[in-house]
Amino acid sequence: METKGKMNERTKDWIQYMTAIILVLSGIVLAFFSFFLYEDVKDGVLWYLAQALCFAGAVFGLQIYIRSKVGEAASDIFQRLQSERIKEKEVSHDA
């Protein structure tokens, strides 16, 4: 059951991805406009593009890192639970 006012994980991820994509695309558009209008890419435009690329890299890279670490932790927990169950079965058969 969903409650109002709470954001689920998909919505949060979607907002992060769309924000990163929009920032990168806006930086590329600004660089092209700057080059074609002034025949030079201004420092501010390059700074904006660099910041947009850093943000996008952080969003995409961090999500991948977190998901891989959560997956590793979940598989480790599952393996430990399986080994504990096997040990319990061996102890109960020996008794």
C-alpha atoms as a PDB file:
ATOM      1  CA  MET A   1       0.000   0.000   0.000  1.00  0.00           C
ATOM      2  CA  GLU A   2       1.424   3.329  -1.028  1.00  0.00           C
ATOM      3  CA  THR A   3       1.247   6.327   1.228  1.00  0.00           C
ATOM      4  CA  LYS A   4       0.976   9.867   0.000  1.00  0.00           C
ATOM      5  CA  GLY A   5       4.035  12.036   0.310  1.00  0.00           C
ATOM      6  CA  LYS A   6       6.574   9.226   0.061  1.00  0.00           C
ATOM      7  CA  MET A   7       8.763   8.925  -2.982  1.00  0.00           C
ATOM      8  CA  ASN A   8       9.539   5.423  -4.143  1.00  0.00           C
ATOM      9  CA  GLU A   9      12.970   4.381  -5.400  1.00  0.00           C
ATOM     10  CA  ARG A  10      12.000   4.387  -9.080  1.00  0.00           C
ATOM     11  CA  THR A  11      10.754   7.962  -8.947  1.00  0.00           C
ATOM     12  CA  LYS A  12      13.913   9.130  -7.206  1.00  0.00           C
ATOM     13  CA  ASP A  13      16.130   7.355  -9.742  1.00  0.00           C
ATOM     14  CA  TRP A  14      14.092   8.682 -12.648  1.00  0.00           C
ATOM     15  CA  ILE A  15      14.419  12.257 -11.375  1.00  0.00           C
ATOM     16  CA  GLN A  16      18.185  11.877 -10.916  1.00  0.00           C
ATOM     17  CA  TYR A  17      18.697  10.365 -14.375  1.00  0.00           C
ATOM     18  CA  MET A  18      16.535  12.947 -16.121  1.00  0.00           C
ATOM     19  CA  THR A  19      18.250  15.806 -14.299  1.00  0.00           C
ATOM     20  CA  ALA A  20      21.669  14.487 -15.330  1.00  0.00           C
ATOM     21  CA  ILE A  21      20.607  14.016 -18.957  1.00  0.00           C
ATOM     22  CA  ILE A  22      19.017  17.469 -19.155  1.00  0.00           C
ATOM     23  CA  LEU A  23      22.109  19.111 -17.664  1.00  0.00           C
ATOM     24  CA  VAL A  24      24.464  17.377 -20.102  1.00  0.00           C
ATOM     25  CA  LEU A  25      22.254  18.172 -23.099  1.00  0.00           C
ATOM     26  CA  SER A  26      21.903  21.809 -22.046  1.00  0.00           C
ATOM     27  CA  GLY A  27      25.681  22.066 -21.664  1.00  0.00           C
ATOM     28  CA  ILE A  28      26.226  20.637 -25.149  1.00  0.00           C
ATOM     29  CA  VAL A  29      23.640  23.000 -26.648  1.00  0.00           C
ATOM     30  CA  LEU A  30      25.245  25.981 -24.901  1.00  0.00           C
ATOM     31  CA  ALA A  31      28.669  24.970 -26.206  1.00  0.00           C
ATOM     32  CA  PHE A  32      27.375  24.688 -29.773  1.00  0.00           C
ATOM     33  CA  PHE A  33      25.543  28.027 -29.576  1.00  0.00           C
ATOM     34  CA  SER A  34      28.595  29.681 -28.100  1.00  0.00           C
ATOM     35  CA  PHE A  35      30.819  28.303 -30.845  1.00  0.00           C
ATOM     36  CA  PHE A  36      28.500  29.130 -33.742  1.00  0.00           C
ATOM     37  CA  LEU A  37      27.484  32.591 -32.504  1.00  0.00           C
ATOM     38  CA  TYR A  38      30.837  33.825 -31.177  1.00  0.00           C
ATOM     39  CA  GLU A  39      33.207  31.410 -32.935  1.00  0.00           C
ATOM     40  CA  ASP A  40      34.649  30.708 -29.511  1.00  0.00           C
ATOM     41  CA  VAL A  41      33.479  28.674 -26.546  1.00  0.00           C
ATOM     42  CA  LYS A  42      33.495  30.966 -23.529  1.00  0.00           C
ATOM     43  CA  ASP A  43      34.968  29.967 -20.164  1.00  0.00           C
ATOM     44  CA  GLY A  44      31.607  30.041 -18.408  1.00  0.00           C
ATOM     45  CA  VAL A  45      30.113  27.665 -20.952  1.00  0.00           C
ATOM     46  CA  LEU A  46      32.999  25.234 -20.554  1.00  0.00           C
ATOM     47  CA  TRP A  47      32.696  25.434 -16.775  1.00  0.00           C
ATOM     48  CA  TYR A  48      28.946  24.720 -16.970  1.00  0.00           C
ATOM     49  CA  LEU A  49      29.512  21.761 -19.295  1.00  0.00           C
ATOM     50  CA  ALA A  50      32.232  20.372 -17.027  1.00  0.00           C
ATOM     51  CA  GLN A  51      29.980  20.659 -13.962  1.00  0.00           C
ATOM     52  CA  ALA A  52      27.115  18.984 -15.819  1.00  0.00           C
ATOM     53  CA  LEU A  53      29.379  16.117 -16.871  1.00  0.00           C
ATOM     54  CA  CYS A  54      30.693  15.706 -13.311  1.00  0.00           C
ATOM     55  CA  PHE A  55      27.147  15.622 -11.943  1.00  0.00           C
ATOM     56  CA  ALA A  56      26.022  13.086 -14.542  1.00  0.00           C
ATOM     57  CA  GLY A  57      29.061  10.924 -13.880  1.00  0.00           C
ATOM     58  CA  ALA A  58      28.385  11.031 -10.164  1.00  0.00           C
ATOM     59  CA  VAL A  59      24.716  10.130 -10.597  1.00  0.00           C
ATOM     60  CA  PHE A  60      25.296   7.238 -12.964  1.00  0.00           C
ATOM     61  CA  GLY A  61      28.493   5.979 -11.336  1.00  0.00           C
ATOM     62  CA  LEU A  62      27.162   6.181  -7.790  1.00  0.00           C
ATOM     63  CA  GLN A  63      23.983   4.307  -8.673  1.00  0.00           C
ATOM     64  CA  ILE A  64      25.954   1.503 -10.312  1.00  0.00           C
ATOM     65  CA  TYR A  65      28.370   1.289  -7.376  1.00  0.00           C
ATOM     66  CA  ILE A  66      25.613   1.206  -4.763  1.00  0.00           C
ATOM     67  CA  ARG A  67      23.606  -1.431  -6.622  1.00  0.00           C
ATOM     68  CA  SER A  68      26.667  -3.652  -7.031  1.00  0.00           C
ATOM     69  CA  LYS A  69      27.567  -3.348  -3.340  1.00  0.00           C
ATOM     70  CA  VAL A  70      23.991  -4.060  -2.244  1.00  0.00           C
ATOM     71  CA  GLY A  71      23.965  -7.112  -4.512  1.00  0.00           C
ATOM     72  CA  GLU A  72      27.249  -8.345  -3.035  1.00  0.00           C
ATOM     73  CA  ALA A  73      25.968  -7.856   0.502  1.00  0.00           C
ATOM     74  CA  ALA A  74      22.716  -9.664  -0.261  1.00  0.00           C
ATOM     75  CA  SER A  75      24.522 -12.643  -1.806  1.00  0.00           C
ATOM     76  CA  ASP A  76      26.913 -12.778   1.176  1.00  0.00           C
ATOM     77  CA  ILE A  77      23.997 -12.795   3.619  1.00  0.00           C
ATOM     78  CA  PHE A  78      22.241 -15.492   1.577  1.00  0.00           C
ATOM     79  CA  GLN A  79      25.374 -17.679   1.572  1.00  0.00           C
ATOM     80  CA  ARG A  80      25.805 -17.290   5.334  1.00  0.00           C
ATOM     81  CA  LEU A  81      22.177 -18.219   5.951  1.00  0.00           C
ATOM     82  CA  GLN A  82      22.535 -21.273   3.732  1.00  0.00           C
ATOM     83  CA  SER A  83      25.671 -22.416   5.575  1.00  0.00           C
ATOM     84  CA  GLU A  84      23.922 -21.924   8.952  1.00  0.00           C
ATOM     85  CA  ARG A  85      20.980 -24.033   7.774  1.00  0.00           C
ATOM     86  CA  ILE A  86      23.319 -26.785   6.628  1.00  0.00           C
ATOM     87  CA  LYS A  87      25.120 -26.740   9.997  1.00  0.00           C
ATOM     88  CA  GLU A  88      21.808 -26.919  11.860  1.00  0.00           C
ATOM     89  CA  LYS A  89      20.712 -29.896   9.785  1.00  0.00           C
ATOM     90  CA  GLU A  90      24.031 -31.700  10.443  1.00  0.00           C
ATOM     91  CA  VAL A  91      23.711 -31.079  14.197  1.00  0.00           C
ATOM     92  CA  SER A  92      20.104 -32.312  14.281  1.00  0.00           C
ATOM     93  CA  HIS A  93      21.025 -35.490  12.342  1.00  0.00           C
ATOM     94  CA  ASP A  94      23.970 -36.222  14.660  1.00  0.00           C
ATOM     95  CA  ALA A  95      21.844 -35.946  17.813  1.00  0.00           C
END
